[in-house]
Structure formats: C-alpha cells, structure tokens
Amino acid sequence: MSSLKVVGFAGSLRRASYNRGLLRAAIEGPPAGMEISGFDLEPIPMYNGDVEARGTPEAVEAFKRAIRGADGLLIATPEYNYGVPAVLKNAIDWASRPPKDSPLVGKPVAVMGASPGMGGTIRAQLQLRQSFVFTQTLCMLQPEVVVAKAQEKFDAAGNLTDESTRAFLAKMLEAFAAWIRRVRD
C-alpha cells in the first residue's frame, strides 16, 4: 500500500505558537504509512477579488498545488475571539476559488488545535467545519484534538512536551489515516 501524503498547516504565523508546535509534533511522529509535510501560510496575501481577477498569486497557486497533491489535510487552528484566525480563514477562502475547481472539494481533513484557554479551540474548530460544508471538504468528526491549557503542555519554543497529548495526537493520526483510506476507497 502506498504511503498517504498529508499536508499540514497552522493558522498561526508566530514561529513558537502552540499550533505550529502541535503540527510539528504530528510531522515528527506520523503513523506507519503516512508522510506529513508542512505548508507555511505566511506568504499568502489577503483575499481580494481584484487581485484574483489579475491572476492568482504564486503563493496561492503553491498552496493549491500542495492541497491537490495531498491525500489529506491536517489543520492546526488557534482560537481568536471564539473563532478561526484570519490567516487560516483567508487561506481556505483562496483555496476555495473558483468553487468549481477548488482543490478542497472531496479532500479529507482533520482539524486540531491548542489554546491557553479552558475550552481549547472547540469554537474555532466548529467554525472551520462550517466553512467546509460549502467547500465540500470531508472533515473527520472524531477523535478531536483540543489542547486546553497549552502553556502547561508546550515549552517556550512551542514544542509539545506533554506525553499524554502526544499519545492522543498519535491516536488521532491513526484514525485520520483510516479516514483518508475510507474516503479515497
């Protein structure tokens, strides 16, 4: 069986963010038969229909190519003001254009997130899932990785240090591999 190719990205631009750290932990420890590569959203400009009309920016084209070439997407989202951060929503908006040719259609995705708050990223994950209804992106329902009190589970550089969180992440990645195969087959 060929290896599953997963592209992961974090909805935070801060280098030492908890969500970049969560994604790094996934990239460092995928299950057998899965390869996870990271994609940095920082170069993607804010969506503007006027810019799109002149031609899709190269950073956006690179993002769409990465999505098309992947068997699945792994998204680490922070929660800002009870919702998805602008950088992540913006990337999804660009990838959804044009709707008839969006690489998001039918793509399996898993969502995870870390936050210092008690609710983790529950609201942001729900909001992201709502966007995926329109884009026809197939979001895995369970298990959910919602890391609350992240400051207790990551070091100052944003590295995941909590072994129980790491073990749960591994369980989610195993389920995601099964989800991708189920959707693909």
Protein backbone atom coordinates (compact mmCIF):
# COMPACT_ATOMS: atom_id res chain seq x y z
CA MET A 1 0.00 0.00 0.00
CA SER A 2 1.39 3.42 -0.92
CA SER A 3 2.15 5.97 1.75
CA LEU A 4 -0.51 8.59 2.46
CA LYS A 5 0.66 12.11 1.76
CA VAL A 6 -0.73 14.68 4.16
CA VAL A 7 -0.17 18.43 4.04
CA GLY A 8 -0.41 20.21 7.35
CA PHE A 9 -0.67 23.89 8.11
CA ALA A 10 -1.19 26.03 11.18
CA GLY A 11 -3.47 29.03 11.44
CA SER A 12 -0.87 30.94 13.43
CA LEU A 13 2.04 32.90 11.98
CA ARG A 14 4.02 33.10 15.23
CA ARG A 15 7.04 30.78 14.99
CA ALA A 16 6.78 29.48 18.57
CA SER A 17 2.98 29.16 18.57
CA TYR A 18 1.33 26.20 20.23
CA ASN A 19 -0.38 25.25 16.99
CA ARG A 20 2.83 25.25 14.98
CA GLY A 21 4.24 23.08 17.76
CA LEU A 22 1.27 20.72 17.59
CA LEU A 23 1.73 20.44 13.83
CA ARG A 24 5.48 19.85 14.29
CA ALA A 25 4.71 17.02 16.70
CA ALA A 26 2.44 15.43 14.07
CA ILE A 27 5.10 15.83 11.36
CA GLU A 28 7.72 14.23 13.64
CA GLY A 29 5.57 11.23 14.54
CA PRO A 30 3.15 10.14 11.86
CA PRO A 31 1.84 6.60 11.91
CA ALA A 32 3.37 4.00 9.60
CA GLY A 33 2.25 4.56 6.05
CA MET A 34 1.74 8.32 6.41
CA GLU A 35 4.01 11.23 5.49
CA ILE A 36 3.13 14.70 6.78
CA SER A 37 4.70 17.81 5.30
CA GLY A 38 4.12 21.35 6.47
CA PHE A 39 2.96 24.34 4.47
CA ASP A 40 3.52 27.89 5.73
CA LEU A 41 0.54 30.23 5.20
CA GLU A 42 2.55 33.41 5.80
CA PRO A 43 3.20 34.29 2.11
CA ILE A 44 -0.48 34.06 1.16
CA PRO A 45 -1.91 37.57 0.66
CA MET A 46 -5.31 38.62 1.93
CA TYR A 47 -8.03 37.56 -0.47
CA ASN A 48 -9.07 40.33 -2.86
CA GLY A 49 -11.27 39.72 -5.90
CA ASP A 50 -9.39 42.45 -7.79
CA VAL A 51 -6.10 40.61 -7.22
CA GLU A 52 -7.71 37.33 -8.26
CA ALA A 53 -9.03 38.95 -11.45
CA ARG A 54 -5.45 39.90 -12.41
CA GLY A 55 -4.26 36.35 -11.75
CA THR A 56 -3.88 34.13 -8.74
CA PRO A 57 -0.72 34.97 -6.75
CA GLU A 58 2.06 32.36 -6.87
CA ALA A 59 1.86 31.74 -3.10
CA VAL A 60 -1.80 30.82 -3.53
CA GLU A 61 -1.04 28.61 -6.54
CA ALA A 62 1.62 26.82 -4.46
CA PHE A 63 -0.94 26.28 -1.70
CA LYS A 64 -3.48 24.87 -4.15
CA ARG A 65 -0.84 22.56 -5.68
CA ALA A 66 0.06 21.30 -2.21
CA ILE A 67 -3.59 20.56 -1.48
CA ARG A 68 -4.14 18.83 -4.83
CA GLY A 69 -1.06 16.67 -4.33
CA ALA A 70 -2.11 15.55 -0.86
CA ASP A 71 -4.28 12.64 0.14
CA GLY A 72 -5.46 14.65 3.15
CA LEU A 73 -5.06 17.91 5.06
CA LEU A 74 -4.12 18.34 8.71
CA ILE A 75 -5.02 21.74 10.13
CA ALA A 76 -3.90 23.15 13.48
CA THR A 77 -6.05 26.11 14.41
CA PRO A 78 -5.73 28.55 17.26
CA GLU A 79 -8.86 30.25 18.54
CA TYR A 80 -9.03 34.03 18.37
CA ASN A 81 -12.08 35.72 19.88
CA TYR A 82 -14.12 32.48 19.72
CA GLY A 83 -13.27 31.90 16.08
CA VAL A 84 -10.87 30.94 13.31
CA PRO A 85 -7.88 33.27 12.88
CA ALA A 86 -7.97 35.48 9.80
CA VAL A 87 -4.84 33.91 8.27
CA LEU A 88 -6.43 30.45 8.26
CA LYS A 89 -9.86 31.58 7.01
CA ASN A 90 -8.12 33.62 4.31
CA ALA A 91 -6.14 30.58 3.10
CA ILE A 92 -9.33 28.49 2.96
CA ASP A 93 -11.08 31.29 1.06
CA TRP A 94 -8.28 31.43 -1.54
CA ALA A 95 -8.23 27.64 -1.89
CA SER A 96 -11.99 27.61 -2.44
CA ARG A 97 -11.69 29.80 -5.57
CA PRO A 98 -13.07 29.18 -8.08
CA PRO A 99 -15.62 26.87 -6.41
CA LYS A 100 -15.93 24.57 -9.44
CA ASP A 101 -12.17 23.91 -9.44
CA SER A 102 -11.35 24.06 -5.74
CA PRO A 103 -8.79 21.50 -4.53
CA LEU A 104 -10.76 21.36 -1.28
CA VAL A 105 -13.72 19.52 -2.84
CA GLY A 106 -13.78 15.95 -1.56
CA LYS A 107 -10.49 16.33 0.32
CA PRO A 108 -10.29 14.51 3.68
CA VAL A 109 -9.25 16.80 6.52
CA ALA A 110 -8.52 16.53 10.23
CA VAL A 111 -8.64 19.56 12.49
CA MET A 112 -6.80 20.02 15.77
CA GLY A 113 -5.84 22.95 17.94
CA ALA A 114 -4.20 24.23 21.08
CA SER A 115 -5.04 27.24 23.23
CA PRO A 116 -4.21 28.56 26.71
CA GLY A 117 -7.94 28.67 27.50
CA MET A 118 -10.04 26.00 29.16
CA GLY A 119 -12.08 25.33 26.00
CA GLY A 120 -9.05 24.71 23.84
CA THR A 121 -10.10 25.51 20.29
CA ILE A 122 -13.58 24.00 20.29
CA ARG A 123 -15.31 27.06 18.84
CA ALA A 124 -12.66 27.69 16.17
CA GLN A 125 -12.78 24.07 15.08
CA LEU A 126 -16.57 24.21 14.80
CA GLN A 127 -16.37 27.42 12.77
CA LEU A 128 -13.80 25.86 10.43
CA ARG A 129 -16.02 22.80 9.99
CA GLN A 130 -18.88 25.11 8.98
CA SER A 131 -16.74 26.59 6.20
CA PHE A 132 -16.00 23.08 4.97
CA VAL A 133 -19.71 22.46 4.35
CA PHE A 134 -19.61 24.96 1.47
CA THR A 135 -16.23 23.78 0.15
CA GLN A 136 -17.37 20.13 0.31
CA THR A 137 -14.27 19.26 2.32
CA LEU A 138 -14.69 15.99 4.22
CA CYS A 139 -13.80 16.71 7.82
CA MET A 140 -13.15 13.78 10.14
CA LEU A 141 -15.53 14.00 13.09
CA GLN A 142 -13.70 12.07 15.82
CA PRO A 143 -11.38 11.94 17.64
CA GLU A 144 -10.98 15.64 18.24
CA VAL A 145 -7.64 17.03 19.41
CA VAL A 146 -8.47 20.04 21.55
CA VAL A 147 -5.50 21.01 23.70
CA ALA A 148 -6.59 23.23 26.61
CA LYS A 149 -4.12 24.93 28.99
CA ALA A 150 -1.49 24.71 26.25
CA GLN A 151 1.02 26.72 28.28
CA GLU A 152 1.33 23.65 30.51
CA LYS A 153 1.93 21.27 27.58
CA PHE A 154 4.42 23.16 25.40
CA ASP A 155 7.82 24.68 26.18
CA ALA A 156 8.78 28.31 25.48
CA ALA A 157 9.86 27.40 21.92
CA GLY A 158 6.44 25.92 21.17
CA ASN A 159 7.47 22.27 21.35
CA LEU A 160 4.93 19.76 22.63
CA THR A 161 6.26 18.32 25.89
CA ASP A 162 3.15 16.62 27.29
CA GLU A 163 3.29 12.88 26.64
CA SER A 164 -0.43 12.23 27.12
CA THR A 165 -1.22 14.89 24.48
CA ARG A 166 1.39 13.35 22.19
CA ALA A 167 -0.22 9.91 22.66
CA PHE A 168 -3.69 11.28 21.90
CA LEU A 169 -2.31 13.04 18.81
CA ALA A 170 -0.91 9.69 17.64
CA LYS A 171 -4.34 8.10 18.13
CA MET A 172 -5.96 10.87 16.08
CA LEU A 173 -3.41 10.45 13.27
CA GLU A 174 -4.14 6.70 13.12
CA ALA A 175 -7.85 7.49 12.84
CA PHE A 176 -7.08 10.10 10.17
CA ALA A 177 -5.17 7.53 8.10
CA ALA A 178 -8.23 5.27 8.25
CA TRP A 179 -10.50 8.22 7.34
CA ILE A 180 -8.40 9.09 4.30
CA ARG A 181 -8.46 5.48 3.09
CA ARG A 182 -12.21 5.25 3.68
CA VAL A 183 -12.89 8.44 1.73
CA ARG A 184 -10.45 7.50 -1.05
CA ASP A 185 -11.84 3.99 -1.49
